[in-house]
Each structure stands twice: as structure tokens, then as C-alpha cells.
PDB file of all heavy atoms in Angstrom:
ATOM      1  N   GLU A   1      94.496 102.171  78.204  1.00  0.00           N
ATOM      2  CA  GLU A   1      94.275 101.462  79.459  1.00  0.00           C
ATOM      3  C   GLU A   1      94.574 102.364  80.654  1.00  0.00           C
ATOM      4  O   GLU A   1      93.839 102.365  81.643  1.00  0.00           O
ATOM      5  CB  GLU A   1      95.137 100.204  79.537  1.00  0.00           C
ATOM      6  CG  GLU A   1      94.907  99.400  80.817  1.00  0.00           C
ATOM      7  CD  GLU A   1      95.697  98.104  80.871  1.00  0.00           C
ATOM      8  OE1 GLU A   1      96.313  97.729  79.856  1.00  0.00           O
ATOM      9  OE2 GLU A   1      95.674  97.463  81.941  1.00  0.00           O
ATOM     10  N   ILE A   2      95.634 103.129  80.558  1.00  0.00           N
ATOM     11  CA  ILE A   2      95.952 104.080  81.626  1.00  0.00           C
ATOM     12  C   ILE A   2      94.798 105.052  81.823  1.00  0.00           C
ATOM     13  O   ILE A   2      94.379 105.335  82.966  1.00  0.00           O
ATOM     14  CB  ILE A   2      97.245 104.852  81.309  1.00  0.00           C
ATOM     15  CG1 ILE A   2      98.455 103.904  81.220  1.00  0.00           C
ATOM     16  CG2 ILE A   2      97.488 105.943  82.360  1.00  0.00           C
ATOM     17  CD1 ILE A   2      98.825 103.233  82.520  1.00  0.00           C
ATOM     18  N   ASN A   3      94.253 105.553  80.727  1.00  0.00           N
ATOM     19  CA  ASN A   3      93.145 106.501  80.825  1.00  0.00           C
ATOM     20  C   ASN A   3      91.905 105.869  81.439  1.00  0.00           C
ATOM     21  O   ASN A   3      91.167 106.532  82.191  1.00  0.00           O
ATOM     22  CB  ASN A   3      92.815 107.058  79.436  1.00  0.00           C
ATOM     23  CG  ASN A   3      93.904 107.979  78.899  1.00  0.00           C
ATOM     24  OD1 ASN A   3      94.649 108.579  79.676  1.00  0.00           O
ATOM     25  ND2 ASN A   3      94.003 108.094  77.594  1.00  0.00           N
ATOM     26  N   ARG A   4      91.676 104.585  81.171  1.00  0.00           N
ATOM     27  CA  ARG A   4      90.513 103.891  81.764  1.00  0.00           C
ATOM     28  C   ARG A   4      90.693 103.760  83.276  1.00  0.00           C
ATOM     29  O   ARG A   4      89.740 103.947  84.040  1.00  0.00           O
ATOM     30  CB  ARG A   4      90.317 102.509  81.130  1.00  0.00           C
ATOM     31  CG  ARG A   4      89.757 102.539  79.721  1.00  0.00           C
ATOM     32  CD  ARG A   4      89.186 101.195  79.314  1.00  0.00           C
ATOM     33  NE  ARG A   4      90.181 100.128  79.361  1.00  0.00           N
ATOM     34  CZ  ARG A   4      90.999  99.825  78.364  1.00  0.00           C
ATOM     35  NH1 ARG A   4      90.957 100.524  77.235  1.00  0.00           N
ATOM     36  NH2 ARG A   4      91.862  98.828  78.471  1.00  0.00           N
ATOM     37  N   ILE A   5      91.906 103.423  83.709  1.00  0.00           N
ATOM     38  CA  ILE A   5      92.172 103.307  85.146  1.00  0.00           C
ATOM     39  C   ILE A   5      91.987 104.663  85.831  1.00  0.00           C
ATOM     40  O   ILE A   5      91.359 104.769  86.886  1.00  0.00           O
ATOM     41  CB  ILE A   5      93.599 102.773  85.391  1.00  0.00           C
ATOM     42  CG1 ILE A   5      93.722 101.335  84.878  1.00  0.00           C
ATOM     43  CG2 ILE A   5      93.956 102.841  86.875  1.00  0.00           C
ATOM     44  CD1 ILE A   5      95.135 100.781  84.912  1.00  0.00           C
ATOM     45  N   VAL A   6      92.519 105.695  85.210  1.00  0.00           N
ATOM     46  CA  VAL A   6      92.390 107.042  85.772  1.00  0.00           C
ATOM     47  C   VAL A   6      90.924 107.453  85.836  1.00  0.00           C
ATOM     48  O   VAL A   6      90.459 108.010  86.841  1.00  0.00           O
ATOM     49  CB  VAL A   6      93.198 108.058  84.933  1.00  0.00           C
ATOM     50  CG1 VAL A   6      92.871 109.499  85.353  1.00  0.00           C
ATOM     51  CG2 VAL A   6      94.694 107.802  85.092  1.00  0.00           C
ATOM     52  N   GLY A   7      90.166 107.174  84.786  1.00  0.00           N
ATOM     53  CA  GLY A   7      88.738 107.515  84.779  1.00  0.00           C
ATOM     54  C   GLY A   7      87.974 106.784  85.866  1.00  0.00           C
ATOM     55  O   GLY A   7      87.101 107.365  86.529  1.00  0.00           O
ATOM     56  N   TRP A   8      88.303 105.503  86.081  1.00  0.00           N
ATOM     57  CA  TRP A   8      87.638 104.718  87.128  1.00  0.00           C
ATOM     58  C   TRP A   8      87.965 105.304  88.495  1.00  0.00           C
ATOM     59  O   TRP A   8      87.088 105.461  89.340  1.00  0.00           O
ATOM     60  CB  TRP A   8      88.094 103.267  87.043  1.00  0.00           C
ATOM     61  CG  TRP A   8      87.421 102.350  88.015  1.00  0.00           C
ATOM     62  CD1 TRP A   8      86.276 101.637  87.810  1.00  0.00           C
ATOM     63  CD2 TRP A   8      87.846 102.041  89.358  1.00  0.00           C
ATOM     64  NE1 TRP A   8      85.965 100.898  88.930  1.00  0.00           N
ATOM     65  CE2 TRP A   8      86.906 101.125  89.899  1.00  0.00           C
ATOM     66  CE3 TRP A   8      88.918 102.432  90.147  1.00  0.00           C
ATOM     67  CZ2 TRP A   8      87.021 100.622  91.183  1.00  0.00           C
ATOM     68  CZ3 TRP A   8      89.025 101.921  91.433  1.00  0.00           C
ATOM     69  CH2 TRP A   8      88.087 101.034  91.940  1.00  0.00           C
ATOM     70  N   LEU A   9      89.224 105.654  88.713  1.00  0.00           N
ATOM     71  CA  LEU A   9      89.619 106.222  90.004  1.00  0.00           C
ATOM     72  C   LEU A   9      88.961 107.584  90.234  1.00  0.00           C
ATOM     73  O   LEU A   9      88.543 107.898  91.351  1.00  0.00           O
ATOM     74  CB  LEU A   9      91.139 106.355  90.067  1.00  0.00           C
ATOM     75  CG  LEU A   9      91.900 105.052  90.348  1.00  0.00           C
ATOM     76  CD1 LEU A   9      93.399 105.245  90.104  1.00  0.00           C
ATOM     77  CD2 LEU A   9      91.660 104.561  91.763  1.00  0.00           C
ATOM     78  N   ASN A  10      88.866 108.382  89.188  1.00  0.00           N
ATOM     79  CA  ASN A  10      88.175 109.669  89.322  1.00  0.00           C
ATOM     80  C   ASN A  10      86.749 109.473  89.805  1.00  0.00           C
ATOM     81  O   ASN A  10      86.282 110.147  90.732  1.00  0.00           O
ATOM     82  CB  ASN A  10      88.157 110.402  87.976  1.00  0.00           C
ATOM     83  CG  ASN A  10      89.507 110.999  87.617  1.00  0.00           C
ATOM     84  OD1 ASN A  10      90.362 111.215  88.471  1.00  0.00           O
ATOM     85  ND2 ASN A  10      89.692 111.300  86.335  1.00  0.00           N
ATOM     86  N   THR A  11      86.053 108.523  89.180  1.00  0.00           N
ATOM     87  CA  THR A  11      84.653 108.275  89.519  1.00  0.00           C
ATOM     88  C   THR A  11      84.512 107.718  90.927  1.00  0.00           C
ATOM     89  O   THR A  11      83.675 108.175  91.717  1.00  0.00           O
ATOM     90  CB  THR A  11      84.019 107.294  88.506  1.00  0.00           C
ATOM     91  OG1 THR A  11      84.087 107.866  87.199  1.00  0.00           O
ATOM     92  CG2 THR A  11      82.570 106.999  88.860  1.00  0.00           C
ATOM     93  N   GLU A  12      85.326 106.713  91.265  1.00  0.00           N
ATOM     94  CA  GLU A  12      85.232 106.076  92.574  1.00  0.00           C
ATOM     95  C   GLU A  12      85.565 107.049  93.703  1.00  0.00           C
ATOM     96  O   GLU A  12      84.861 107.093  94.722  1.00  0.00           O
ATOM     97  CB  GLU A  12      86.166 104.864  92.640  1.00  0.00           C
ATOM     98  CG  GLU A  12      85.794 103.733  91.692  1.00  0.00           C
ATOM     99  CD  GLU A  12      84.473 103.089  92.071  1.00  0.00           C
ATOM    100  OE1 GLU A  12      84.357 102.555  93.182  1.00  0.00           O
ATOM    101  OE2 GLU A  12      83.556 103.135  91.238  1.00  0.00           O
ATOM    102  N   CYS A  13      86.629 107.809  93.532  1.00  0.00           N
ATOM    103  CA  CYS A  13      87.034 108.731  94.595  1.00  0.00           C
ATOM    104  C   CYS A  13      85.982 109.819  94.799  1.00  0.00           C
ATOM    105  O   CYS A  13      85.686 110.205  95.945  1.00  0.00           O
ATOM    106  CB  CYS A  13      88.383 109.359  94.263  1.00  0.00           C
ATOM    107  SG  CYS A  13      89.769 108.178  94.357  1.00  0.00           S
ATOM    108  N   ALA A  14      85.396 110.311  93.716  1.00  0.00           N
ATOM    109  CA  ALA A  14      84.347 111.327  93.836  1.00  0.00           C
ATOM    110  C   ALA A  14      83.120 110.747  94.535  1.00  0.00           C
ATOM    111  O   ALA A  14      82.496 111.414  95.379  1.00  0.00           O
ATOM    112  CB  ALA A  14      83.979 111.853  92.451  1.00  0.00           C
ATOM    113  N   THR A  15      82.779 109.500  94.211  1.00  0.00           N
ATOM    114  CA  THR A  15      81.617 108.858  94.832  1.00  0.00           C
ATOM    115  C   THR A  15      81.858 108.622  96.312  1.00  0.00           C
ATOM    116  O   THR A  15      80.968 108.827  97.145  1.00  0.00           O
ATOM    117  CB  THR A  15      81.308 107.523  94.128  1.00  0.00           C
ATOM    118  OG1 THR A  15      81.118 107.751  92.739  1.00  0.00           O
ATOM    119  CG2 THR A  15      80.061 106.877  94.715  1.00  0.00           C
ATOM    120  N   LEU A  16      83.076 108.200  96.661  1.00  0.00           N
ATOM    121  CA  LEU A  16      83.407 107.966  98.061  1.00  0.00           C
ATOM    122  C   LEU A  16      83.364 109.260  98.868  1.00  0.00           C
ATOM    123  O   LEU A  16      82.932 109.272 100.022  1.00  0.00           O
ATOM    124  CB  LEU A  16      84.787 107.312  98.164  1.00  0.00           C
ATOM    125  CG  LEU A  16      84.846 105.851  97.711  1.00  0.00           C
ATOM    126  CD1 LEU A  16      86.282 105.415  97.466  1.00  0.00           C
ATOM    127  CD2 LEU A  16      84.178 104.935  98.720  1.00  0.00           C
ATOM    128  N   GLN A  17      83.771 110.346  98.265  1.00  0.00           N
ATOM    129  CA  GLN A  17      83.668 111.634  98.951  1.00  0.00           C
ATOM    130  C   GLN A  17      82.208 112.032  99.153  1.00  0.00           C
ATOM    131  O   GLN A  17      81.838 112.560 100.196  1.00  0.00           O
ATOM    132  CB  GLN A  17      84.413 112.698  98.165  1.00  0.00           C
ATOM    133  CG  GLN A  17      85.930 112.605  98.325  1.00  0.00           C
ATOM    134  CD  GLN A  17      86.652 113.772  97.675  1.00  0.00           C
ATOM    135  OE1 GLN A  17      86.737 113.868  96.462  1.00  0.00           O
ATOM    136  NE2 GLN A  17      87.175 114.652  98.497  1.00  0.00           N
ATOM    137  N   ALA A  18      81.394 111.738  98.153  1.00  0.00           N
ATOM    138  CA  ALA A  18      79.972 112.044  98.276  1.00  0.00           C
ATOM    139  C   ALA A  18      79.307 111.209  99.364  1.00  0.00           C
ATOM    140  O   ALA A  18      78.289 111.612  99.944  1.00  0.00           O
ATOM    141  CB  ALA A  18      79.269 111.806  96.930  1.00  0.00           C
ATOM    142  N   MET A  19      79.904 110.054  99.675  1.00  0.00           N
ATOM    143  CA  MET A  19      79.359 109.184 100.713  1.00  0.00           C
ATOM    144  C   MET A  19      79.752 109.649 102.113  1.00  0.00           C
ATOM    145  O   MET A  19      79.254 109.112 103.101  1.00  0.00           O
ATOM    146  CB  MET A  19      79.855 107.748 100.504  1.00  0.00           C
ATOM    147  CG  MET A  19      79.285 107.084  99.253  1.00  0.00           C
ATOM    148  SD  MET A  19      80.113 105.503  98.898  1.00  0.00           S
ATOM    149  CE  MET A  19      79.783 104.606 100.400  1.00  0.00           C
ATOM    150  N   GLY A  20      80.666 110.611 102.215  1.00  0.00           N
ATOM    151  CA  GLY A  20      81.001 111.134 103.536  1.00  0.00           C
ATOM    152  C   GLY A  20      82.475 111.217 103.862  1.00  0.00           C
ATOM    153  O   GLY A  20      82.845 111.764 104.909  1.00  0.00           O
ATOM    154  N   PHE A  21      83.344 110.676 102.994  1.00  0.00           N
ATOM    155  CA  PHE A  21      84.781 110.792 103.251  1.00  0.00           C
ATOM    156  C   PHE A  21      85.243 112.185 102.838  1.00  0.00           C
ATOM    157  O   PHE A  21      85.056 112.609 101.701  1.00  0.00           O
ATOM    158  CB  PHE A  21      85.561 109.723 102.486  1.00  0.00           C
ATOM    159  CG  PHE A  21      85.400 108.338 103.055  1.00  0.00           C
ATOM    160  CD1 PHE A  21      84.535 107.431 102.469  1.00  0.00           C
ATOM    161  CD2 PHE A  21      86.098 107.960 104.181  1.00  0.00           C
ATOM    162  CE1 PHE A  21      84.377 106.159 103.004  1.00  0.00           C
ATOM    163  CE2 PHE A  21      85.953 106.691 104.730  1.00  0.00           C
ATOM    164  CZ  PHE A  21      85.078 105.788 104.132  1.00  0.00           C
ATOM    165  N   ASP A  22      85.854 112.895 103.777  1.00  0.00           N
ATOM    166  CA  ASP A  22      86.319 114.255 103.492  1.00  0.00           C
ATOM    167  C   ASP A  22      87.522 114.257 102.560  1.00  0.00           C
ATOM    168  O   ASP A  22      87.686 115.160 101.745  1.00  0.00           O
ATOM    169  CB  ASP A  22      86.672 114.956 104.808  1.00  0.00           C
ATOM    170  CG  ASP A  22      85.483 115.030 105.742  1.00  0.00           C
ATOM    171  OD1 ASP A  22      84.546 115.795 105.445  1.00  0.00           O
ATOM    172  OD2 ASP A  22      85.478 114.311 106.760  1.00  0.00           O
ATOM    173  N   GLU A  23      88.365 113.239 102.714  1.00  0.00           N
ATOM    174  CA  GLU A  23      89.570 113.147 101.889  1.00  0.00           C
ATOM    175  C   GLU A  23      89.750 111.689 101.458  1.00  0.00           C
ATOM    176  O   GLU A  23      89.636 110.776 102.276  1.00  0.00           O
ATOM    177  CB  GLU A  23      90.799 113.609 102.667  1.00  0.00           C
ATOM    178  CG  GLU A  23      90.716 115.040 103.186  1.00  0.00           C
ATOM    179  CD  GLU A  23      91.771 115.329 104.234  1.00  0.00           C
ATOM    180  OE1 GLU A  23      92.925 114.862 104.053  1.00  0.00           O
ATOM    181  OE2 GLU A  23      91.456 115.995 105.236  1.00  0.00           O
ATOM    182  N   VAL A  24      90.025 111.495 100.179  1.00  0.00           N
ATOM    183  CA  VAL A  24      90.292 110.161  99.639  1.00  0.00           C
ATOM    184  C   VAL A  24      91.634 110.199  98.926  1.00  0.00           C
ATOM    185  O   VAL A  24      91.867 111.057  98.067  1.00  0.00           O
ATOM    186  CB  VAL A  24      89.187 109.707  98.656  1.00  0.00           C
ATOM    187  CG1 VAL A  24      89.526 108.321  98.083  1.00  0.00           C
ATOM    188  CG2 VAL A  24      87.828 109.692  99.350  1.00  0.00           C
ATOM    189  N   TYR A  25      92.522 109.292  99.304  1.00  0.00           N
ATOM    190  CA  TYR A  25      93.852 109.221  98.705  1.00  0.00           C
ATOM    191  C   TYR A  25      94.062 107.841  98.083  1.00  0.00           C
ATOM    192  O   TYR A  25      93.545 106.833  98.574  1.00  0.00           O
ATOM    193  CB  TYR A  25      94.932 109.456  99.763  1.00  0.00           C
ATOM    194  CG  TYR A  25      94.893 110.818 100.407  1.00  0.00           C
ATOM    195  CD1 TYR A  25      94.080 111.051 101.517  1.00  0.00           C
ATOM    196  CD2 TYR A  25      95.666 111.867  99.912  1.00  0.00           C
ATOM    197  CE1 TYR A  25      94.035 112.305 102.125  1.00  0.00           C
ATOM    198  CE2 TYR A  25      95.627 113.129 100.514  1.00  0.00           C
ATOM    199  CZ  TYR A  25      94.811 113.340 101.611  1.00  0.00           C
ATOM    200  OH  TYR A  25      94.772 114.570 102.200  1.00  0.00           O
ATOM    201  N   VAL A  26      94.849 107.818  97.014  1.00  0.00           N
ATOM    202  CA  VAL A  26      95.229 106.573  96.361  1.00  0.00           C
ATOM    203  C   VAL A  26      96.738 106.411  96.511  1.00  0.00           C
ATOM    204  O   VAL A  26      97.495 107.377  96.332  1.00  0.00           O
ATOM    205  CB  VAL A  26      94.848 106.583  94.866  1.00  0.00           C
ATOM    206  CG1 VAL A  26      95.253 105.262  94.209  1.00  0.00           C
ATOM    207  CG2 VAL A  26      93.351 106.835  94.693  1.00  0.00           C
ATOM    208  N   SER A  27      97.170 105.205  96.859  1.00  0.00           N
ATOM    209  CA  SER A  27      98.595 104.967  97.057  1.00  0.00           C
ATOM    210  C   SER A  27      99.006 103.652  96.412  1.00  0.00           C
ATOM    211  O   SER A  27      98.469 102.593  96.738  1.00  0.00           O
ATOM    212  CB  SER A  27      98.938 104.942  98.550  1.00  0.00           C
ATOM    213  OG  SER A  27     100.331 104.851  98.739  1.00  0.00           O
ATOM    214  N   PHE A  28      99.952 103.732  95.478  1.00  0.00           N
ATOM    215  CA  PHE A  28     100.462 102.549  94.796  1.00  0.00           C
ATOM    216  C   PHE A  28     101.826 102.185  95.384  1.00  0.00           C
ATOM    217  O   PHE A  28     102.733 103.025  95.425  1.00  0.00           O
ATOM    218  CB  PHE A  28     100.620 102.815  93.296  1.00  0.00           C
ATOM    219  CG  PHE A  28      99.397 103.376  92.635  1.00  0.00           C
ATOM    220  CD1 PHE A  28      99.399 104.661  92.118  1.00  0.00           C
ATOM    221  CD2 PHE A  28      98.240 102.628  92.528  1.00  0.00           C
ATOM    222  CE1 PHE A  28      98.279 105.184  91.498  1.00  0.00           C
ATOM    223  CE2 PHE A  28      97.110 103.138  91.914  1.00  0.00           C
ATOM    224  CZ  PHE A  28      97.125 104.427  91.404  1.00  0.00           C
ATOM    225  N   ILE A  29     101.986 100.934  95.807  1.00  0.00           N
ATOM    226  CA  ILE A  29     103.278 100.457  96.319  1.00  0.00           C
ATOM    227  C   ILE A  29     104.003  99.742  95.182  1.00  0.00           C
ATOM    228  O   ILE A  29     103.496  98.758  94.650  1.00  0.00           O
ATOM    229  CB  ILE A  29     103.097  99.499  97.505  1.00  0.00           C
ATOM    230  CG1 ILE A  29     102.146 100.093  98.550  1.00  0.00           C
ATOM    231  CG2 ILE A  29     104.453  99.166  98.110  1.00  0.00           C
ATOM    232  CD1 ILE A  29     102.582 101.416  99.115  1.00  0.00           C
ATOM    233  N   PRO A  30     105.174 100.210  94.775  1.00  0.00           N
ATOM    234  CA  PRO A  30     105.855  99.633  93.609  1.00  0.00           C
ATOM    235  C   PRO A  30     106.225  98.165  93.805  1.00  0.00           C
ATOM    236  O   PRO A  30     106.499  97.719  94.930  1.00  0.00           O
ATOM    237  CB  PRO A  30     107.124 100.489  93.483  1.00  0.00           C
ATOM    238  CG  PRO A  30     106.876 101.706  94.297  1.00  0.00           C
ATOM    239  CD  PRO A  30     105.931 101.313  95.392  1.00  0.00           C
ATOM    240  N   ASN A  31     106.252  97.430  92.713  1.00  0.00           N
ATOM    241  CA  ASN A  31     106.888  96.119  92.714  1.00  0.00           C
ATOM    242  C   ASN A  31     108.380  96.327  92.989  1.00  0.00           C
ATOM    243  O   ASN A  31     108.976  97.305  92.520  1.00  0.00           O
ATOM    244  CB  ASN A  31     106.746  95.435  91.355  1.00  0.00           C
ATOM    245  CG  ASN A  31     105.297  95.181  90.962  1.00  0.00           C
ATOM    246  OD1 ASN A  31     104.432  94.984  91.812  1.00  0.00           O
ATOM    247  ND2 ASN A  31     105.044  95.187  89.673  1.00  0.00           N
ATOM    248  N   SER A  32     108.994  95.404  93.705  1.00  0.00           N
ATOM    249  CA  SER A  32     110.442  95.531  93.906  1.00  0.00           C
ATOM    250  C   SER A  32     111.184  95.476  92.582  1.00  0.00           C
ATOM    251  O   SER A  32     112.228  96.109  92.406  1.00  0.00           O
ATOM    252  CB  SER A  32     110.941  94.430  94.849  1.00  0.00           C
ATOM    253  OG  SER A  32     110.719  93.151  94.297  1.00  0.00           O
ATOM    254  N   SER A  33     110.625  94.751  91.605  1.00  0.00           N
ATOM    255  CA  SER A  33     111.259  94.655  90.285  1.00  0.00           C
ATOM    256  C   SER A  33     111.275  96.006  89.571  1.00  0.00           C
ATOM    257  O   SER A  33     112.164  96.268  88.752  1.00  0.00           O
ATOM    258  CB  SER A  33     110.548  93.611  89.424  1.00  0.00           C
ATOM    259  OG  SER A  33     109.171  93.912  89.291  1.00  0.00           O
ATOM    260  N   SER A  34     110.305  96.870  89.876  1.00  0.00           N
ATOM    261  CA  SER A  34     110.266  98.200  89.255  1.00  0.00           C
ATOM    262  C   SER A  34     111.457  99.046  89.686  1.00  0.00           C
ATOM    263  O   SER A  34     111.883  99.957  88.970  1.00  0.00           O
ATOM    264  CB  SER A  34     108.978  98.930  89.635  1.00  0.00           C
ATOM    265  OG  SER A  34     107.845  98.214  89.217  1.00  0.00           O
ATOM    266  N   LEU A  35     112.012  98.730  90.844  1.00  0.00           N
ATOM    267  CA  LEU A  35     113.116  99.511  91.397  1.00  0.00           C
ATOM    268  C   LEU A  35     114.480  98.872  91.182  1.00  0.00           C
ATOM    269  O   LEU A  35     115.475  99.569  90.977  1.00  0.00           O
ATOM    270  CB  LEU A  35     112.895  99.719  92.902  1.00  0.00           C
ATOM    271  CG  LEU A  35     111.641 100.496  93.302  1.00  0.00           C
ATOM    272  CD1 LEU A  35     111.364 100.316  94.789  1.00  0.00           C
ATOM    273  CD2 LEU A  35     111.787 101.967  92.967  1.00  0.00           C
ATOM    274  N   TYR A  36     114.540  97.548  91.234  1.00  0.00           N
ATOM    275  CA  TYR A  36     115.833  96.892  91.310  1.00  0.00           C
ATOM    276  C   TYR A  36     116.157  95.929  90.161  1.00  0.00           C
ATOM    277  O   TYR A  36     117.324  95.611  89.958  1.00  0.00           O
ATOM    278  CB  TYR A  36     115.935  96.106  92.625  1.00  0.00           C
ATOM    279  CG  TYR A  36     115.682  96.951  93.854  1.00  0.00           C
ATOM    280  CD1 TYR A  36     114.605  96.699  94.691  1.00  0.00           C
ATOM    281  CD2 TYR A  36     116.526  98.012  94.187  1.00  0.00           C
ATOM    282  CE1 TYR A  36     114.370  97.469  95.825  1.00  0.00           C
ATOM    283  CE2 TYR A  36     116.306  98.786  95.320  1.00  0.00           C
ATOM    284  CZ  TYR A  36     115.223  98.510  96.131  1.00  0.00           C
ATOM    285  OH  TYR A  36     114.983  99.268  97.242  1.00  0.00           O
ATOM    286  N   LYS A  37     115.166  95.475  89.433  1.00  0.00           N
ATOM    287  CA  LYS A  37     115.407  94.459  88.407  1.00  0.00           C
ATOM    288  C   LYS A  37     115.938  95.090  87.118  1.00  0.00           C
ATOM    289  O   LYS A  37     115.365  96.053  86.604  1.00  0.00           O
ATOM    290  CB  LYS A  37     114.102  93.711  88.101  1.00  0.00           C
ATOM    291  CG  LYS A  37     114.233  92.605  87.058  1.00  0.00           C
ATOM    292  CD  LYS A  37     115.050  91.433  87.552  1.00  0.00           C
ATOM    293  CE  LYS A  37     115.068  90.290  86.540  1.00  0.00           C
ATOM    294  NZ  LYS A  37     115.888  89.153  86.993  1.00  0.00           N
ATOM    295  N   LYS A  38     117.031  94.531  86.606  1.00  0.00           N
ATOM    296  CA  LYS A  38     117.601  94.986  85.344  1.00  0.00           C
ATOM    297  C   LYS A  38     117.248  93.974  84.251  1.00  0.00           C
ATOM    298  O   LYS A  38     117.595  92.802  84.353  1.00  0.00           O
ATOM    299  CB  LYS A  38     119.125  95.121  85.447  1.00  0.00           C
ATOM    300  CG  LYS A  38     119.599  96.029  86.592  1.00  0.00           C
ATOM    301  CD  LYS A  38     119.096  97.449  86.439  1.00  0.00           C
ATOM    302  CE  LYS A  38     119.609  98.334  87.563  1.00  0.00           C
ATOM    303  NZ  LYS A  38     119.058  99.708  87.495  1.00  0.00           N
ATOM    304  N   THR A  39     116.534  94.432  83.237  1.00  0.00           N
ATOM    305  CA  THR A  39     116.152  93.547  82.129  1.00  0.00           C
ATOM    306  C   THR A  39     116.364  94.289  80.813  1.00  0.00           C
ATOM    307  O   THR A  39     116.657  95.487  80.784  1.00  0.00           O
ATOM    308  CB  THR A  39     114.664  93.131  82.220  1.00  0.00           C
ATOM    309  OG1 THR A  39     113.838  94.233  81.842  1.00  0.00           O
ATOM    310  CG2 THR A  39     114.295  92.690  83.623  1.00  0.00           C
ATOM    311  N   SER A  40     116.180  93.554  79.735  1.00  0.00           N
ATOM    312  CA  SER A  40     116.279  94.178  78.405  1.00  0.00           C
ATOM    313  C   SER A  40     114.989  94.896  78.035  1.00  0.00           C
ATOM    314  O   SER A  40     114.912  95.554  77.000  1.00  0.00           O
ATOM    315  CB  SER A  40     116.595  93.104  77.353  1.00  0.00           C
ATOM    316  OG  SER A  40     115.612  92.073  77.374  1.00  0.00           O
ATOM    317  N   PHE A  41     113.969  94.756  78.882  1.00  0.00           N
ATOM    318  CA  PHE A  41     112.697  95.423  78.643  1.00  0.00           C
ATOM    319  C   PHE A  41     112.598  96.660  79.541  1.00  0.00           C
ATOM    320  O   PHE A  41     112.953  96.613  80.726  1.00  0.00           O
ATOM    321  CB  PHE A  41     111.531  94.482  78.949  1.00  0.00           C
ATOM    322  CG  PHE A  41     111.500  93.253  78.098  1.00  0.00           C
ATOM    323  CD1 PHE A  41     112.041  92.056  78.564  1.00  0.00           C
ATOM    324  CD2 PHE A  41     110.942  93.282  76.832  1.00  0.00           C
ATOM    325  CE1 PHE A  41     112.026  90.926  77.786  1.00  0.00           C
ATOM    326  CE2 PHE A  41     110.928  92.151  76.043  1.00  0.00           C
ATOM    327  CZ  PHE A  41     111.462  90.963  76.514  1.00  0.00           C
ATOM    328  N   PRO A  42     112.090  97.752  79.026  1.00  0.00           N
ATOM    329  CA  PRO A  42     111.981  98.970  79.852  1.00  0.00           C
ATOM    330  C   PRO A  42     110.837  98.870  80.842  1.00  0.00           C
ATOM    331  O   PRO A  42     109.838  98.191  80.596  1.00  0.00           O
ATOM    332  CB  PRO A  42     111.727 100.072  78.809  1.00  0.00           C
ATOM    333  CG  PRO A  42     111.035  99.359  77.681  1.00  0.00           C
ATOM    334  CD  PRO A  42     111.657  97.979  77.640  1.00  0.00           C
ATOM    335  N   TYR A  43     110.990  99.558  81.948  1.00  0.00           N
ATOM    336  CA  TYR A  43     109.915  99.643  82.943  1.00  0.00           C
ATOM    337  C   TYR A  43     108.734 100.378  82.306  1.00  0.00           C
ATOM    338  O   TYR A  43     108.909 101.409  81.651  1.00  0.00           O
ATOM    339  CB  TYR A  43     110.417 100.393  84.180  1.00  0.00           C
ATOM    340  CG  TYR A  43     109.360 100.716  85.216  1.00  0.00           C
ATOM    341  CD1 TYR A  43     108.400  99.770  85.574  1.00  0.00           C
ATOM    342  CD2 TYR A  43     109.329 101.961  85.830  1.00  0.00           C
ATOM    343  CE1 TYR A  43     107.437 100.062  86.526  1.00  0.00           C
ATOM    344  CE2 TYR A  43     108.372 102.262  86.794  1.00  0.00           C
ATOM    345  CZ  TYR A  43     107.422 101.302  87.131  1.00  0.00           C
ATOM    346  OH  TYR A  43     106.458 101.585  88.064  1.00  0.00           O
TER     347      TYR A  43
END
């Protein structure tokens, strides 16, 4: 699944650049639980 997401982003970002964007960036904002929540399950 990670590889599918990466492949989709590769394709989309390349296409967007071909449409005229000089630079395309991707930014993920973490869930607060990823930083602060303590559980028995690993992040």
C-alpha cells in the first residue's frame, strides 16, 4: 500500500509539473496521536 501511494504521488507530481508548475511539494501533517498518544500498538 505504501508503494501504491508513492507511485500515485510520483505520477501526479510529474504530471502537475508538466502542466506548468515549476516545483511541486507534498506535505503531510501528522495526527496528534502519532506524536503524543501512548498505546499498546506501535505507530
